[in-house]
Amino acid sequence: VNRENQQQLQMHIKSVIALYSNGQIQEALDSVETLTKDYPKEPLLYNISGVCYKAIGQLDAAVKSFEKALALKPDYTEVNYNLGLTFQELGMLEAAVKRYEKALAVNPDYAEAHNNLGVTFKELDQLDAAIGCYEKALSIKPDYAEAHNNLGIAFLELGQLEAAVECYEKTLTIQPDHADAYYNLGNAFKELGQVDDAVKSYEKALAIQPDYAEAHNNL
């Protein structure tokens, strides 16, 4: 691709990303699919089409797009990460682990990949491995609310209730409207026998998200 073509391609990509950001996913997908015919060796286009397919729930098509991108650029960190997310959504947990590990081999400071690798390990009932991943994510990005919340979930499952409470409180310091963290905090307080604190936490979760069924049930 010569420089003029490259500049044109960058303009096209910007317009596709604008469509996607505007919630016009199908239009973005149609545009990027057309572009892949003109620029069949551009891995970024397959990454974008994969993200679009994933957004509209066509996960198998997303996998194919991400795999095309990786065939052109095997160490493409973002694509390995996106493919990991897609495999995770498909319940293909071992495959997801491999993809996150590939992303991290290229970029060891990818906090989101450490976090999602942790979630995958938790789904595989490997709680110690999950905790290690969340802690690694937090060592890179200390204000990562989701990783604090996930670490709390793992501690709660292990019965380490005070540690879980601390994690949820950190989550809420960073992101005060995190309904899940209030719900999880309520569960931890309930296990600790602190009923009033549990009730307050569930009520705060419902104030943020009134249709939070589990919080209603636990009240």
C-alpha atoms as a PDB file:
ATOM      1  CA  VAL A   1       0.000   0.000   0.000  1.00  0.00           C
ATOM      2  CA  ASN A   2       1.605   3.286  -1.077  1.00  0.00           C
ATOM      3  CA  ARG A   3       1.516   6.434   1.042  1.00  0.00           C
ATOM      4  CA  GLU A   4      -1.498   7.958  -0.717  1.00  0.00           C
ATOM      5  CA  ASN A   5      -3.448   4.734  -0.314  1.00  0.00           C
ATOM      6  CA  GLN A   6      -2.341   4.551   3.321  1.00  0.00           C
ATOM      7  CA  GLN A   7      -3.677   8.072   3.959  1.00  0.00           C
ATOM      8  CA  GLN A   8      -6.976   7.176   2.280  1.00  0.00           C
ATOM      9  CA  LEU A   9      -7.172   4.024   4.362  1.00  0.00           C
ATOM     10  CA  GLN A  10      -6.597   6.015   7.579  1.00  0.00           C
ATOM     11  CA  MET A  11      -9.454   8.362   6.596  1.00  0.00           C
ATOM     12  CA  HIS A  12     -11.749   5.400   5.928  1.00  0.00           C
ATOM     13  CA  ILE A  13     -10.806   3.818   9.259  1.00  0.00           C
ATOM     14  CA  LYS A  14     -11.571   7.071  11.092  1.00  0.00           C
ATOM     15  CA  SER A  15     -15.045   7.200   9.543  1.00  0.00           C
ATOM     16  CA  VAL A  16     -15.671   3.529  10.468  1.00  0.00           C
ATOM     17  CA  ILE A  17     -14.618   4.180  14.075  1.00  0.00           C
ATOM     18  CA  ALA A  18     -16.884   7.256  14.157  1.00  0.00           C
ATOM     19  CA  LEU A  19     -19.849   5.111  13.028  1.00  0.00           C
ATOM     20  CA  TYR A  20     -19.028   2.491  15.668  1.00  0.00           C
ATOM     21  CA  SER A  21     -18.673   5.112  18.417  1.00  0.00           C
ATOM     22  CA  ASN A  22     -22.026   6.537  17.364  1.00  0.00           C
ATOM     23  CA  GLY A  23     -23.689   3.139  17.886  1.00  0.00           C
ATOM     24  CA  GLN A  24     -24.091   2.519  14.136  1.00  0.00           C
ATOM     25  CA  ILE A  25     -22.490  -0.903  14.393  1.00  0.00           C
ATOM     26  CA  GLN A  26     -24.022  -2.477  11.283  1.00  0.00           C
ATOM     27  CA  GLU A  27     -23.022   0.518   9.144  1.00  0.00           C
ATOM     28  CA  ALA A  28     -19.487   0.359  10.550  1.00  0.00           C
ATOM     29  CA  LEU A  29     -19.366  -3.361   9.782  1.00  0.00           C
ATOM     30  CA  ASP A  30     -20.606  -2.893   6.202  1.00  0.00           C
ATOM     31  CA  SER A  31     -17.965  -0.184   5.631  1.00  0.00           C
ATOM     32  CA  VAL A  32     -15.112  -2.203   7.067  1.00  0.00           C
ATOM     33  CA  GLU A  33     -16.118  -5.341   5.144  1.00  0.00           C
ATOM     34  CA  THR A  34     -15.932  -3.288   1.925  1.00  0.00           C
ATOM     35  CA  LEU A  35     -12.501  -1.983   2.951  1.00  0.00           C
ATOM     36  CA  THR A  36     -11.143  -5.509   3.517  1.00  0.00           C
ATOM     37  CA  LYS A  37     -11.809  -6.202  -0.178  1.00  0.00           C
ATOM     38  CA  ASP A  38      -9.668  -3.178  -1.164  1.00  0.00           C
ATOM     39  CA  TYR A  39      -7.023  -3.745   1.527  1.00  0.00           C
ATOM     40  CA  PRO A  40      -7.010  -7.519   2.133  1.00  0.00           C
ATOM     41  CA  LYS A  41      -3.655  -7.493   3.942  1.00  0.00           C
ATOM     42  CA  GLU A  42      -4.482  -4.826   6.556  1.00  0.00           C
ATOM     43  CA  PRO A  43      -4.817  -6.599   9.951  1.00  0.00           C
ATOM     44  CA  LEU A  44      -6.395  -3.567  11.672  1.00  0.00           C
ATOM     45  CA  LEU A  45      -9.462  -3.892   9.414  1.00  0.00           C
ATOM     46  CA  TYR A  46     -10.053  -7.491  10.520  1.00  0.00           C
ATOM     47  CA  ASN A  47      -9.684  -6.432  14.152  1.00  0.00           C
ATOM     48  CA  ILE A  48     -12.341  -3.735  13.624  1.00  0.00           C
ATOM     49  CA  SER A  49     -14.699  -6.129  11.829  1.00  0.00           C
ATOM     50  CA  GLY A  50     -14.212  -8.636  14.666  1.00  0.00           C
ATOM     51  CA  VAL A  51     -15.095  -6.004  17.258  1.00  0.00           C
ATOM     52  CA  CYS A  52     -18.226  -5.093  15.243  1.00  0.00           C
ATOM     53  CA  TYR A  53     -19.326  -8.729  14.906  1.00  0.00           C
ATOM     54  CA  LYS A  54     -18.783  -9.251  18.639  1.00  0.00           C
ATOM     55  CA  ALA A  55     -20.848  -6.131  19.428  1.00  0.00           C
ATOM     56  CA  ILE A  56     -23.853  -7.482  17.483  1.00  0.00           C
ATOM     57  CA  GLY A  57     -23.482 -10.945  19.038  1.00  0.00           C
ATOM     58  CA  GLN A  58     -22.120 -12.757  15.963  1.00  0.00           C
ATOM     59  CA  LEU A  59     -19.330 -14.392  17.937  1.00  0.00           C
ATOM     60  CA  ASP A  60     -18.329 -17.062  15.403  1.00  0.00           C
ATOM     61  CA  ALA A  61     -17.902 -14.394  12.718  1.00  0.00           C
ATOM     62  CA  ALA A  62     -15.900 -12.315  15.220  1.00  0.00           C
ATOM     63  CA  VAL A  63     -13.544 -15.263  15.832  1.00  0.00           C
ATOM     64  CA  LYS A  64     -12.989 -15.646  12.071  1.00  0.00           C
ATOM     65  CA  SER A  65     -12.158 -11.945  11.693  1.00  0.00           C
ATOM     66  CA  PHE A  66      -9.726 -11.938  14.608  1.00  0.00           C
ATOM     67  CA  GLU A  67      -8.057 -15.093  13.270  1.00  0.00           C
ATOM     68  CA  LYS A  68      -7.607 -13.403   9.870  1.00  0.00           C
ATOM     69  CA  ALA A  69      -5.915 -10.468  11.607  1.00  0.00           C
ATOM     70  CA  LEU A  70      -3.596 -12.840  13.493  1.00  0.00           C
ATOM     71  CA  ALA A  71      -2.721 -14.732  10.312  1.00  0.00           C
ATOM     72  CA  LEU A  72      -1.351 -11.411   9.007  1.00  0.00           C
ATOM     73  CA  LYS A  73       0.177 -10.264  12.319  1.00  0.00           C
ATOM     74  CA  PRO A  74       0.555 -13.091  14.883  1.00  0.00           C
ATOM     75  CA  ASP A  75       1.813 -10.882  17.743  1.00  0.00           C
ATOM     76  CA  TYR A  76      -1.084  -8.387  17.452  1.00  0.00           C
ATOM     77  CA  THR A  77      -1.719  -7.820  21.167  1.00  0.00           C
ATOM     78  CA  GLU A  78      -5.116  -6.150  20.853  1.00  0.00           C
ATOM     79  CA  VAL A  79      -6.442  -8.936  18.618  1.00  0.00           C
ATOM     80  CA  ASN A  80      -5.200 -11.692  20.927  1.00  0.00           C
ATOM     81  CA  TYR A  81      -6.983  -9.868  23.752  1.00  0.00           C
ATOM     82  CA  ASN A  82     -10.207  -9.410  21.742  1.00  0.00           C
ATOM     83  CA  LEU A  83     -10.137 -13.059  20.693  1.00  0.00           C
ATOM     84  CA  GLY A  84      -9.684 -13.998  24.354  1.00  0.00           C
ATOM     85  CA  LEU A  85     -12.798 -11.983  25.264  1.00  0.00           C
ATOM     86  CA  THR A  86     -14.755 -13.674  22.465  1.00  0.00           C
ATOM     87  CA  PHE A  87     -13.661 -17.197  23.450  1.00  0.00           C
ATOM     88  CA  GLN A  88     -14.569 -16.351  27.047  1.00  0.00           C
ATOM     89  CA  GLU A  89     -18.062 -15.293  25.953  1.00  0.00           C
ATOM     90  CA  LEU A  90     -18.369 -18.547  23.983  1.00  0.00           C
ATOM     91  CA  GLY A  91     -17.401 -20.519  27.110  1.00  0.00           C
ATOM     92  CA  MET A  92     -14.160 -21.706  25.455  1.00  0.00           C
ATOM     93  CA  LEU A  93     -12.156 -20.937  28.568  1.00  0.00           C
ATOM     94  CA  GLU A  94      -8.908 -22.810  27.840  1.00  0.00           C
ATOM     95  CA  ALA A  95      -8.729 -21.113  24.425  1.00  0.00           C
ATOM     96  CA  ALA A  96      -9.358 -17.735  26.109  1.00  0.00           C
ATOM     97  CA  VAL A  97      -6.483 -18.358  28.565  1.00  0.00           C
ATOM     98  CA  LYS A  98      -4.096 -19.019  25.658  1.00  0.00           C
ATOM     99  CA  ARG A  99      -5.079 -15.787  23.915  1.00  0.00           C
ATOM    100  CA  TYR A 100      -4.695 -13.614  27.026  1.00  0.00           C
ATOM    101  CA  GLU A 101      -1.312 -15.232  27.673  1.00  0.00           C
ATOM    102  CA  LYS A 102      -0.259 -14.464  24.081  1.00  0.00           C
ATOM    103  CA  ALA A 103      -1.315 -10.828  24.513  1.00  0.00           C
ATOM    104  CA  LEU A 104       0.655 -10.640  27.775  1.00  0.00           C
ATOM    105  CA  ALA A 105       3.745 -12.255  26.234  1.00  0.00           C
ATOM    106  CA  VAL A 106       3.973  -9.232  23.918  1.00  0.00           C
ATOM    107  CA  ASN A 107       2.733  -6.623  26.414  1.00  0.00           C
ATOM    108  CA  PRO A 108       3.256  -7.752  30.040  1.00  0.00           C
ATOM    109  CA  ASP A 109       1.823  -4.443  31.315  1.00  0.00           C
ATOM    110  CA  TYR A 110      -1.625  -4.997  29.760  1.00  0.00           C
ATOM    111  CA  ALA A 111      -3.723  -4.618  32.927  1.00  0.00           C
ATOM    112  CA  GLU A 112      -7.030  -5.504  31.206  1.00  0.00           C
ATOM    113  CA  ALA A 113      -5.562  -8.763  29.893  1.00  0.00           C
ATOM    114  CA  HIS A 114      -4.353  -9.712  33.398  1.00  0.00           C
ATOM    115  CA  ASN A 115      -7.830  -8.912  34.777  1.00  0.00           C
ATOM    116  CA  ASN A 116      -9.703 -10.948  32.168  1.00  0.00           C
ATOM    117  CA  LEU A 117      -7.238 -13.814  32.465  1.00  0.00           C
ATOM    118  CA  GLY A 118      -8.116 -13.745  36.163  1.00  0.00           C
ATOM    119  CA  VAL A 119     -11.853 -13.877  35.408  1.00  0.00           C
ATOM    120  CA  THR A 120     -11.237 -16.865  33.116  1.00  0.00           C
ATOM    121  CA  PHE A 121      -9.215 -18.679  35.791  1.00  0.00           C
ATOM    122  CA  LYS A 122     -12.034 -18.001  38.267  1.00  0.00           C
ATOM    123  CA  GLU A 123     -14.526 -19.533  35.815  1.00  0.00           C
ATOM    124  CA  LEU A 124     -12.169 -22.545  35.667  1.00  0.00           C
ATOM    125  CA  ASP A 125     -12.281 -22.689  39.520  1.00  0.00           C
ATOM    126  CA  GLN A 126      -8.581 -21.793  39.738  1.00  0.00           C
ATOM    127  CA  LEU A 127      -9.018 -19.123  42.415  1.00  0.00           C
ATOM    128  CA  ASP A 128      -5.360 -18.788  43.421  1.00  0.00           C
ATOM    129  CA  ALA A 129      -4.345 -18.211  39.796  1.00  0.00           C
ATOM    130  CA  ALA A 130      -7.210 -15.703  39.449  1.00  0.00           C
ATOM    131  CA  ILE A 131      -6.060 -13.763  42.527  1.00  0.00           C
ATOM    132  CA  GLY A 132      -2.505 -13.629  41.145  1.00  0.00           C
ATOM    133  CA  CYS A 133      -3.837 -12.129  37.896  1.00  0.00           C
ATOM    134  CA  TYR A 134      -5.987  -9.501  39.628  1.00  0.00           C
ATOM    135  CA  GLU A 135      -3.068  -8.497  41.856  1.00  0.00           C
ATOM    136  CA  LYS A 136      -0.825  -8.195  38.803  1.00  0.00           C
ATOM    137  CA  ALA A 137      -3.443  -6.000  37.067  1.00  0.00           C
ATOM    138  CA  LEU A 138      -3.616  -3.780  40.171  1.00  0.00           C
ATOM    139  CA  SER A 139       0.171  -3.501  40.450  1.00  0.00           C
ATOM    140  CA  ILE A 140       0.098  -2.026  36.917  1.00  0.00           C
ATOM    141  CA  LYS A 141      -3.081   0.037  37.341  1.00  0.00           C
ATOM    142  CA  PRO A 142      -3.842   0.646  41.051  1.00  0.00           C
ATOM    143  CA  ASP A 143      -7.110   2.528  40.382  1.00  0.00           C
ATOM    144  CA  TYR A 144      -8.597  -0.316  38.288  1.00  0.00           C
ATOM    145  CA  ALA A 145     -12.052  -0.575  39.893  1.00  0.00           C
ATOM    146  CA  GLU A 146     -13.089  -3.774  38.094  1.00  0.00           C
ATOM    147  CA  ALA A 147      -9.950  -5.639  39.202  1.00  0.00           C
ATOM    148  CA  HIS A 148     -10.512  -4.595  42.854  1.00  0.00           C
ATOM    149  CA  ASN A 149     -14.111  -5.865  42.587  1.00  0.00           C
ATOM    150  CA  ASN A 150     -13.012  -9.148  40.980  1.00  0.00           C
ATOM    151  CA  LEU A 151     -10.350  -9.657  43.653  1.00  0.00           C
ATOM    152  CA  GLY A 152     -13.084  -9.174  46.253  1.00  0.00           C
ATOM    153  CA  ILE A 153     -15.249 -11.831  44.562  1.00  0.00           C
ATOM    154  CA  ALA A 154     -12.360 -14.319  44.716  1.00  0.00           C
ATOM    155  CA  PHE A 155     -11.649 -13.553  48.391  1.00  0.00           C
ATOM    156  CA  LEU A 156     -15.372 -13.926  49.194  1.00  0.00           C
ATOM    157  CA  GLU A 157     -15.415 -17.380  47.566  1.00  0.00           C
ATOM    158  CA  LEU A 158     -12.374 -18.351  49.657  1.00  0.00           C
ATOM    159  CA  GLY A 159     -14.141 -17.148  52.814  1.00  0.00           C
ATOM    160  CA  GLN A 160     -11.637 -14.307  53.348  1.00  0.00           C
ATOM    161  CA  LEU A 161     -14.427 -11.894  54.199  1.00  0.00           C
ATOM    162  CA  GLU A 162     -12.483  -8.934  55.627  1.00  0.00           C
ATOM    163  CA  ALA A 163     -10.171  -8.957  52.604  1.00  0.00           C
ATOM    164  CA  ALA A 164     -13.248  -9.054  50.334  1.00  0.00           C
ATOM    165  CA  VAL A 165     -14.830  -6.067  52.128  1.00  0.00           C
ATOM    166  CA  GLU A 166     -11.599  -4.094  51.716  1.00  0.00           C
ATOM    167  CA  CYS A 167     -11.556  -4.812  47.962  1.00  0.00           C
ATOM    168  CA  TYR A 168     -15.174  -3.729  47.461  1.00  0.00           C
ATOM    169  CA  GLU A 169     -14.599  -0.551  49.465  1.00  0.00           C
ATOM    170  CA  LYS A 170     -11.582   0.254  47.273  1.00  0.00           C
ATOM    171  CA  THR A 171     -13.737  -0.334  44.187  1.00  0.00           C
ATOM    172  CA  LEU A 172     -16.341   2.110  45.481  1.00  0.00           C
ATOM    173  CA  THR A 173     -13.759   4.757  46.380  1.00  0.00           C
ATOM    174  CA  ILE A 174     -12.635   4.692  42.745  1.00  0.00           C
ATOM    175  CA  GLN A 175     -16.096   4.230  41.204  1.00  0.00           C
ATOM    176  CA  PRO A 176     -18.900   5.261  43.598  1.00  0.00           C
ATOM    177  CA  ASP A 177     -21.675   4.199  41.181  1.00  0.00           C
ATOM    178  CA  HIS A 178     -20.486   0.564  40.930  1.00  0.00           C
ATOM    179  CA  ALA A 179     -23.741  -1.265  41.744  1.00  0.00           C
ATOM    180  CA  ASP A 180     -22.128  -4.729  41.635  1.00  0.00           C
ATOM    181  CA  ALA A 181     -19.546  -3.709  44.235  1.00  0.00           C
ATOM    182  CA  TYR A 182     -22.327  -2.563  46.607  1.00  0.00           C
ATOM    183  CA  TYR A 183     -24.166  -5.846  46.017  1.00  0.00           C
ATOM    184  CA  ASN A 184     -20.992  -7.868  46.635  1.00  0.00           C
ATOM    185  CA  LEU A 185     -20.223  -5.774  49.720  1.00  0.00           C
ATOM    186  CA  GLY A 186     -23.717  -6.594  50.985  1.00  0.00           C
ATOM    187  CA  ASN A 187     -23.018 -10.311  50.519  1.00  0.00           C
ATOM    188  CA  ALA A 188     -19.737 -10.030  52.444  1.00  0.00           C
ATOM    189  CA  PHE A 189     -21.401  -8.131  55.322  1.00  0.00           C
ATOM    190  CA  LYS A 190     -24.200 -10.733  55.367  1.00  0.00           C
ATOM    191  CA  GLU A 191     -21.637 -13.547  55.716  1.00  0.00           C
ATOM    192  CA  LEU A 192     -19.960 -11.558  58.521  1.00  0.00           C
ATOM    193  CA  GLY A 193     -23.326 -11.280  60.313  1.00  0.00           C
ATOM    194  CA  GLN A 194     -23.388  -7.468  59.893  1.00  0.00           C
ATOM    195  CA  VAL A 195     -27.022  -7.363  58.807  1.00  0.00           C
ATOM    196  CA  ASP A 196     -27.527  -3.571  58.979  1.00  0.00           C
ATOM    197  CA  ASP A 197     -24.444  -2.941  56.846  1.00  0.00           C
ATOM    198  CA  ALA A 198     -25.608  -5.600  54.389  1.00  0.00           C
ATOM    199  CA  VAL A 199     -29.044  -3.967  54.048  1.00  0.00           C
ATOM    200  CA  LYS A 200     -27.472  -0.534  53.482  1.00  0.00           C
ATOM    201  CA  SER A 201     -25.202  -1.958  50.789  1.00  0.00           C
ATOM    202  CA  TYR A 202     -28.066  -3.666  48.935  1.00  0.00           C
ATOM    203  CA  GLU A 203     -30.099  -0.430  49.138  1.00  0.00           C
ATOM    204  CA  LYS A 204     -27.195   1.520  47.647  1.00  0.00           C
ATOM    205  CA  ALA A 205     -26.924  -1.020  44.815  1.00  0.00           C
ATOM    206  CA  LEU A 206     -30.656  -0.528  44.120  1.00  0.00           C
ATOM    207  CA  ALA A 207     -30.378   3.267  44.257  1.00  0.00           C
ATOM    208  CA  ILE A 208     -27.874   3.014  41.395  1.00  0.00           C
ATOM    209  CA  GLN A 209     -29.623   0.184  39.541  1.00  0.00           C
ATOM    210  CA  PRO A 210     -33.315  -0.086  40.540  1.00  0.00           C
ATOM    211  CA  ASP A 211     -33.898  -3.298  38.534  1.00  0.00           C
ATOM    212  CA  TYR A 212     -31.056  -5.208  40.267  1.00  0.00           C
ATOM    213  CA  ALA A 213     -33.005  -8.438  40.923  1.00  0.00           C
ATOM    214  CA  GLU A 214     -30.399 -10.155  43.131  1.00  0.00           C
ATOM    215  CA  ALA A 215     -30.165  -7.119  45.407  1.00  0.00           C
ATOM    216  CA  HIS A 216     -33.988  -7.094  45.762  1.00  0.00           C
ATOM    217  CA  ASN A 217     -33.955 -10.812  46.590  1.00  0.00           C
ATOM    218  CA  ASN A 218     -31.293 -10.417  49.259  1.00  0.00           C
ATOM    219  CA  LEU A 219     -33.053  -7.546  51.038  1.00  0.00           C
END
